[in-house]
Amino acid sequence: MSVIKPFRALRPVPDKAEQVSCVPYDVISVDEARDLIGQNELSFLRVTRPEADGDGADASAETVTAAAREHL
C-alpha cells in the first residue's frame, strides 16, 4: 500500500509573491532568463535556471545544482 504524506510547502510572503513568481524555466532561453534575473533579483528563475545567474563561466552540473540550492 502506498503511503501519502503531506509536505510543508515553501511560500513567499504575500508582499513578495509577485516578485518571486516567474515564467516556466523551459519556455525561455538562458539569455532571456539572464535578462529577467537582471531586472528582478527575487525571481525564482535564480532557482529554476541557476545557470543564467552570473557569467556562465562554470556551468557544470554540480556548480549549477549548488547555485540553485544556495538561491533557494
PDB file of N, CA and C in Angstrom:
ATOM      1  N   MET A   1       0.833  -1.164   0.000  1.00  0.00           N
ATOM      2  CA  MET A   1       0.000   0.000   0.000  1.00  0.00           C
ATOM      3  C   MET A   1       0.889   1.243   0.000  1.00  0.00           C
ATOM      4  N   SER A   2       0.508   2.216  -0.779  1.00  0.00           N
ATOM      5  CA  SER A   2       1.242   3.482  -0.845  1.00  0.00           C
ATOM      6  C   SER A   2       0.949   4.323   0.385  1.00  0.00           C
ATOM      7  N   VAL A   3       1.948   5.047   0.800  1.00  0.00           N
ATOM      8  CA  VAL A   3       1.788   5.961   1.916  1.00  0.00           C
ATOM      9  C   VAL A   3       1.939   7.379   1.371  1.00  0.00           C
ATOM     10  N   ILE A   4       0.932   8.177   1.557  1.00  0.00           N
ATOM     11  CA  ILE A   4       0.966   9.560   1.091  1.00  0.00           C
ATOM     12  C   ILE A   4       1.100  10.456   2.306  1.00  0.00           C
ATOM     13  N   LYS A   5       2.151  11.267   2.296  1.00  0.00           N
ATOM     14  CA  LYS A   5       2.403  12.165   3.413  1.00  0.00           C
ATOM     15  C   LYS A   5       2.382  13.606   2.914  1.00  0.00           C
ATOM     16  N   PRO A   6       1.787  14.494   3.664  1.00  0.00           N
ATOM     17  CA  PRO A   6       1.797  15.903   3.266  1.00  0.00           C
ATOM     18  C   PRO A   6       3.208  16.477   3.436  1.00  0.00           C
ATOM     19  N   PHE A   7       3.489  17.505   2.676  1.00  0.00           N
ATOM     20  CA  PHE A   7       4.768  18.184   2.830  1.00  0.00           C
ATOM     21  C   PHE A   7       4.515  19.653   3.126  1.00  0.00           C
ATOM     22  N   ARG A   8       5.464  20.257   3.750  1.00  0.00           N
ATOM     23  CA  ARG A   8       5.348  21.667   4.087  1.00  0.00           C
ATOM     24  C   ARG A   8       5.889  22.480   2.918  1.00  0.00           C
ATOM     25  N   ALA A   9       5.040  23.193   2.258  1.00  0.00           N
ATOM     26  CA  ALA A   9       5.432  23.974   1.088  1.00  0.00           C
ATOM     27  C   ALA A   9       6.177  25.237   1.500  1.00  0.00           C
ATOM     28  N   LEU A  10       7.046  25.676   0.627  1.00  0.00           N
ATOM     29  CA  LEU A  10       7.710  26.959   0.813  1.00  0.00           C
ATOM     30  C   LEU A  10       6.886  27.996   0.058  1.00  0.00           C
ATOM     31  N   ARG A  11       6.456  29.008   0.758  1.00  0.00           N
ATOM     32  CA  ARG A  11       5.649  30.044   0.132  1.00  0.00           C
ATOM     33  C   ARG A  11       6.252  31.410   0.443  1.00  0.00           C
ATOM     34  N   PRO A  12       6.237  32.277  -0.549  1.00  0.00           N
ATOM     35  CA  PRO A  12       6.766  33.622  -0.287  1.00  0.00           C
ATOM     36  C   PRO A  12       5.789  34.413   0.580  1.00  0.00           C
ATOM     37  N   VAL A  13       6.313  35.407   1.251  1.00  0.00           N
ATOM     38  CA  VAL A  13       5.424  36.296   1.991  1.00  0.00           C
ATOM     39  C   VAL A  13       4.552  37.018   0.968  1.00  0.00           C
ATOM     40  N   PRO A  14       3.315  37.322   1.314  1.00  0.00           N
ATOM     41  CA  PRO A  14       2.374  37.881   0.332  1.00  0.00           C
ATOM     42  C   PRO A  14       2.884  39.104  -0.434  1.00  0.00           C
ATOM     43  N   ASP A  15       3.609  39.998   0.228  1.00  0.00           N
ATOM     44  CA  ASP A  15       4.052  41.203  -0.470  1.00  0.00           C
ATOM     45  C   ASP A  15       5.216  40.959  -1.436  1.00  0.00           C
ATOM     46  N   LYS A  16       5.815  39.770  -1.407  1.00  0.00           N
ATOM     47  CA  LYS A  16       6.911  39.423  -2.329  1.00  0.00           C
ATOM     48  C   LYS A  16       6.483  38.410  -3.389  1.00  0.00           C
ATOM     49  N   ALA A  17       5.273  37.879  -3.279  1.00  0.00           N
ATOM     50  CA  ALA A  17       4.839  36.795  -4.179  1.00  0.00           C
ATOM     51  C   ALA A  17       4.926  37.186  -5.649  1.00  0.00           C
ATOM     52  N   GLU A  18       4.535  38.379  -5.985  1.00  0.00           N
ATOM     53  CA  GLU A  18       4.576  38.804  -7.387  1.00  0.00           C
ATOM     54  C   GLU A  18       6.010  38.892  -7.900  1.00  0.00           C
ATOM     55  N   GLN A  19       6.929  39.324  -7.054  1.00  0.00           N
ATOM     56  CA  GLN A  19       8.329  39.432  -7.459  1.00  0.00           C
ATOM     57  C   GLN A  19       8.986  38.058  -7.607  1.00  0.00           C
ATOM     58  N   VAL A  20       8.599  37.116  -6.791  1.00  0.00           N
ATOM     59  CA  VAL A  20       9.201  35.788  -6.808  1.00  0.00           C
ATOM     60  C   VAL A  20       8.696  34.964  -7.989  1.00  0.00           C
ATOM     61  N   SER A  21       7.436  35.154  -8.366  1.00  0.00           N
ATOM     62  CA  SER A  21       6.867  34.345  -9.443  1.00  0.00           C
ATOM     63  C   SER A  21       7.617  34.585 -10.748  1.00  0.00           C
ATOM     64  N   CYS A  22       7.615  33.565 -11.604  1.00  0.00           N
ATOM     65  CA  CYS A  22       8.342  33.664 -12.869  1.00  0.00           C
ATOM     66  C   CYS A  22       7.721  32.749 -13.913  1.00  0.00           C
ATOM     67  N   VAL A  23       8.161  32.923 -15.127  1.00  0.00           N
ATOM     68  CA  VAL A  23       7.708  32.056 -16.216  1.00  0.00           C
ATOM     69  C   VAL A  23       8.316  30.665 -16.025  1.00  0.00           C
ATOM     70  N   PRO A  24       7.733  29.630 -16.636  1.00  0.00           N
ATOM     71  CA  PRO A  24       8.343  28.301 -16.555  1.00  0.00           C
ATOM     72  C   PRO A  24       9.755  28.321 -17.145  1.00  0.00           C
ATOM     73  N   TYR A  25      10.657  27.588 -16.533  1.00  0.00           N
ATOM     74  CA  TYR A  25      12.062  27.617 -16.942  1.00  0.00           C
ATOM     75  C   TYR A  25      12.294  27.130 -18.366  1.00  0.00           C
ATOM     76  N   ASP A  26      11.405  26.276 -18.867  1.00  0.00           N
ATOM     77  CA  ASP A  26      11.658  25.661 -20.170  1.00  0.00           C
ATOM     78  C   ASP A  26      11.049  26.425 -21.348  1.00  0.00           C
ATOM     79  N   VAL A  27      10.504  27.595 -21.108  1.00  0.00           N
ATOM     80  CA  VAL A  27       9.929  28.371 -22.209  1.00  0.00           C
ATOM     81  C   VAL A  27      10.779  29.580 -22.581  1.00  0.00           C
ATOM     82  N   ILE A  28      11.893  29.778 -21.871  1.00  0.00           N
ATOM     83  CA  ILE A  28      12.784  30.892 -22.186  1.00  0.00           C
ATOM     84  C   ILE A  28      14.217  30.391 -22.298  1.00  0.00           C
ATOM     85  N   SER A  29      15.008  31.116 -23.042  1.00  0.00           N
ATOM     86  CA  SER A  29      16.417  30.770 -23.202  1.00  0.00           C
ATOM     87  C   SER A  29      17.212  31.237 -21.985  1.00  0.00           C
ATOM     88  N   VAL A  30      18.439  30.807 -21.911  1.00  0.00           N
ATOM     89  CA  VAL A  30      19.314  31.244 -20.822  1.00  0.00           C
ATOM     90  C   VAL A  30      19.504  32.758 -20.892  1.00  0.00           C
ATOM     91  N   ASP A  31      19.661  33.297 -22.094  1.00  0.00           N
ATOM     92  CA  ASP A  31      19.836  34.748 -22.235  1.00  0.00           C
ATOM     93  C   ASP A  31      18.602  35.513 -21.769  1.00  0.00           C
ATOM     94  N   GLU A  32      17.418  35.019 -22.113  1.00  0.00           N
ATOM     95  CA  GLU A  32      16.186  35.657 -21.657  1.00  0.00           C
ATOM     96  C   GLU A  32      16.066  35.579 -20.141  1.00  0.00           C
ATOM     97  N   ALA A  33      16.412  34.414 -19.582  1.00  0.00           N
ATOM     98  CA  ALA A  33      16.376  34.251 -18.123  1.00  0.00           C
ATOM     99  C   ALA A  33      17.363  35.207 -17.464  1.00  0.00           C
ATOM    100  N   ARG A  34      18.539  35.356 -18.055  1.00  0.00           N
ATOM    101  CA  ARG A  34      19.551  36.263 -17.509  1.00  0.00           C
ATOM    102  C   ARG A  34      19.015  37.702 -17.488  1.00  0.00           C
ATOM    103  N   ASP A  35      18.325  38.108 -18.552  1.00  0.00           N
ATOM    104  CA  ASP A  35      17.741  39.452 -18.593  1.00  0.00           C
ATOM    105  C   ASP A  35      16.692  39.633 -17.503  1.00  0.00           C
ATOM    106  N   LEU A  36      15.814  38.637 -17.327  1.00  0.00           N
ATOM    107  CA  LEU A  36      14.771  38.728 -16.307  1.00  0.00           C
ATOM    108  C   LEU A  36      15.360  38.751 -14.899  1.00  0.00           C
ATOM    109  N   ILE A  37      16.391  37.955 -14.674  1.00  0.00           N
ATOM    110  CA  ILE A  37      17.057  37.945 -13.365  1.00  0.00           C
ATOM    111  C   ILE A  37      17.720  39.294 -13.109  1.00  0.00           C
ATOM    112  N   GLY A  38      18.280  39.883 -14.162  1.00  0.00           N
ATOM    113  CA  GLY A  38      18.908  41.200 -14.027  1.00  0.00           C
ATOM    114  C   GLY A  38      17.919  42.278 -13.643  1.00  0.00           C
ATOM    115  N   GLN A  39      16.674  42.118 -14.076  1.00  0.00           N
ATOM    116  CA  GLN A  39      15.630  43.089 -13.757  1.00  0.00           C
ATOM    117  C   GLN A  39      15.016  42.841 -12.375  1.00  0.00           C
ATOM    118  N   ASN A  40      15.133  41.602 -11.883  1.00  0.00           N
ATOM    119  CA  ASN A  40      14.474  41.245 -10.625  1.00  0.00           C
ATOM    120  C   ASN A  40      15.258  40.140  -9.927  1.00  0.00           C
ATOM    121  N   GLU A  41      16.055  40.500  -8.941  1.00  0.00           N
ATOM    122  CA  GLU A  41      16.880  39.513  -8.239  1.00  0.00           C
ATOM    123  C   GLU A  41      16.087  38.543  -7.386  1.00  0.00           C
ATOM    124  N   LEU A  42      14.821  38.817  -7.130  1.00  0.00           N
ATOM    125  CA  LEU A  42      13.994  37.899  -6.341  1.00  0.00           C
ATOM    126  C   LEU A  42      13.326  36.830  -7.202  1.00  0.00           C
ATOM    127  N   SER A  43      13.491  36.905  -8.507  1.00  0.00           N
ATOM    128  CA  SER A  43      12.852  35.956  -9.416  1.00  0.00           C
ATOM    129  C   SER A  43      13.241  34.517  -9.083  1.00  0.00           C
ATOM    130  N   PHE A  44      12.248  33.636  -9.101  1.00  0.00           N
ATOM    131  CA  PHE A  44      12.507  32.216  -8.842  1.00  0.00           C
ATOM    132  C   PHE A  44      13.327  31.580  -9.958  1.00  0.00           C
ATOM    133  N   LEU A  45      13.538  32.307 -11.045  1.00  0.00           N
ATOM    134  CA  LEU A  45      14.425  31.820 -12.106  1.00  0.00           C
ATOM    135  C   LEU A  45      15.837  31.595 -11.575  1.00  0.00           C
ATOM    136  N   ARG A  46      16.202  32.271 -10.507  1.00  0.00           N
ATOM    137  CA  ARG A  46      17.528  32.045  -9.901  1.00  0.00           C
ATOM    138  C   ARG A  46      17.641  30.620  -9.370  1.00  0.00           C
ATOM    139  N   VAL A  47      16.496  29.994  -9.074  1.00  0.00           N
ATOM    140  CA  VAL A  47      16.480  28.604  -8.607  1.00  0.00           C
ATOM    141  C   VAL A  47      16.271  27.643  -9.776  1.00  0.00           C
ATOM    142  N   THR A  48      15.306  27.952 -10.659  1.00  0.00           N
ATOM    143  CA  THR A  48      14.982  27.029 -11.740  1.00  0.00           C
ATOM    144  C   THR A  48      15.936  27.117 -12.915  1.00  0.00           C
ATOM    145  N   ARG A  49      16.606  28.248 -13.105  1.00  0.00           N
ATOM    146  CA  ARG A  49      17.589  28.417 -14.177  1.00  0.00           C
ATOM    147  C   ARG A  49      18.869  29.029 -13.596  1.00  0.00           C
ATOM    148  N   PRO A  50      19.504  28.373 -12.629  1.00  0.00           N
ATOM    149  CA  PRO A  50      20.662  28.977 -11.971  1.00  0.00           C
ATOM    150  C   PRO A  50      21.835  29.228 -12.913  1.00  0.00           C
ATOM    151  N   GLU A  51      21.892  28.505 -14.022  1.00  0.00           N
ATOM    152  CA  GLU A  51      22.979  28.734 -14.970  1.00  0.00           C
ATOM    153  C   GLU A  51      22.884  30.110 -15.619  1.00  0.00           C
ATOM    154  N   ALA A  52      21.718  30.742 -15.539  1.00  0.00           N
ATOM    155  CA  ALA A  52      21.530  32.075 -16.115  1.00  0.00           C
ATOM    156  C   ALA A  52      21.918  33.179 -15.134  1.00  0.00           C
ATOM    157  N   ASP A  53      22.154  32.833 -13.899  1.00  0.00           N
ATOM    158  CA  ASP A  53      22.502  33.815 -12.884  1.00  0.00           C
ATOM    159  C   ASP A  53      24.015  33.878 -12.759  1.00  0.00           C
ATOM    160  N   GLY A  54      24.608  34.876 -13.334  1.00  0.00           N
ATOM    161  CA  GLY A  54      26.059  35.006 -13.306  1.00  0.00           C
ATOM    162  C   GLY A  54      26.608  35.067 -14.711  1.00  0.00           C
ATOM    163  N   ASP A  55      27.907  34.848 -14.823  1.00  0.00           N
ATOM    164  CA  ASP A  55      28.550  34.982 -16.126  1.00  0.00           C
ATOM    165  C   ASP A  55      28.546  33.698 -16.948  1.00  0.00           C
ATOM    166  N   GLY A  56      28.092  32.594 -16.353  1.00  0.00           N
ATOM    167  CA  GLY A  56      28.018  31.331 -17.087  1.00  0.00           C
ATOM    168  C   GLY A  56      29.355  30.667 -17.310  1.00  0.00           C
ATOM    169  N   ALA A  57      30.404  31.139 -16.638  1.00  0.00           N
ATOM    170  CA  ALA A  57      31.741  30.592 -16.847  1.00  0.00           C
ATOM    171  C   ALA A  57      31.846  29.132 -16.415  1.00  0.00           C
ATOM    172  N   ASP A  58      31.217  28.774 -15.308  1.00  0.00           N
ATOM    173  CA  ASP A  58      31.272  27.395 -14.820  1.00  0.00           C
ATOM    174  C   ASP A  58      29.858  26.849 -14.758  1.00  0.00           C
ATOM    175  N   ALA A  59      29.452  26.170 -15.822  1.00  0.00           N
ATOM    176  CA  ALA A  59      28.082  25.651 -15.900  1.00  0.00           C
ATOM    177  C   ALA A  59      28.037  24.147 -15.711  1.00  0.00           C
ATOM    178  N   SER A  60      28.967  23.595 -14.924  1.00  0.00           N
ATOM    179  CA  SER A  60      28.932  22.161 -14.656  1.00  0.00           C
ATOM    180  C   SER A  60      27.694  21.835 -13.828  1.00  0.00           C
ATOM    181  N   ALA A  61      27.242  20.608 -13.937  1.00  0.00           N
ATOM    182  CA  ALA A  61      26.027  20.191 -13.233  1.00  0.00           C
ATOM    183  C   ALA A  61      26.146  20.406 -11.726  1.00  0.00           C
ATOM    184  N   GLU A  62      27.296  20.104 -11.172  1.00  0.00           N
ATOM    185  CA  GLU A  62      27.476  20.264  -9.721  1.00  0.00           C
ATOM    186  C   GLU A  62      27.408  21.728  -9.307  1.00  0.00           C
ATOM    187  N   THR A  63      28.026  22.584 -10.078  1.00  0.00           N
ATOM    188  CA  THR A  63      28.030  24.014  -9.770  1.00  0.00           C
ATOM    189  C   THR A  63      26.630  24.600  -9.909  1.00  0.00           C
ATOM    190  N   VAL A  64      25.924  24.199 -10.964  1.00  0.00           N
ATOM    191  CA  VAL A  64      24.565  24.698 -11.198  1.00  0.00           C
ATOM    192  C   VAL A  64      23.638  24.241 -10.081  1.00  0.00           C
ATOM    193  N   THR A  65      23.739  22.986  -9.682  1.00  0.00           N
ATOM    194  CA  THR A  65      22.910  22.458  -8.602  1.00  0.00           C
ATOM    195  C   THR A  65      23.211  23.169  -7.283  1.00  0.00           C
ATOM    196  N   ALA A  66      24.481  23.399  -7.008  1.00  0.00           N
ATOM    197  CA  ALA A  66      24.857  24.094  -5.780  1.00  0.00           C
ATOM    198  C   ALA A  66      24.330  25.526  -5.784  1.00  0.00           C
ATOM    199  N   ALA A  67      24.381  26.185  -6.937  1.00  0.00           N
ATOM    200  CA  ALA A  67      23.865  27.555  -7.027  1.00  0.00           C
ATOM    201  C   ALA A  67      22.357  27.583  -6.792  1.00  0.00           C
ATOM    202  N   ALA A  68      21.629  26.626  -7.365  1.00  0.00           N
ATOM    203  CA  ALA A  68      20.183  26.563  -7.167  1.00  0.00           C
ATOM    204  C   ALA A  68      19.850  26.349  -5.697  1.00  0.00           C
ATOM    205  N   ARG A  69      20.604  25.481  -5.049  1.00  0.00           N
ATOM    206  CA  ARG A  69      20.393  25.211  -3.623  1.00  0.00           C
ATOM    207  C   ARG A  69      20.640  26.483  -2.801  1.00  0.00           C
ATOM    208  N   GLU A  70      21.696  27.199  -3.118  1.00  0.00           N
ATOM    209  CA  GLU A  70      22.020  28.417  -2.391  1.00  0.00           C
ATOM    210  C   GLU A  70      20.947  29.487  -2.586  1.00  0.00           C
ATOM    211  N   HIS A  71      20.451  29.628  -3.813  1.00  0.00           N
ATOM    212  CA  HIS A  71      19.432  30.637  -4.089  1.00  0.00           C
ATOM    213  C   HIS A  71      18.105  30.301  -3.419  1.00  0.00           C
ATOM    214  N   LEU A  72      17.799  29.024  -3.323  1.00  0.00           N
ATOM    215  CA  LEU A  72      16.560  28.622  -2.666  1.00  0.00           C
ATOM    216  C   LEU A  72      16.602  28.981  -1.203  1.00  0.00           C
TER     217      LEU A  72
END
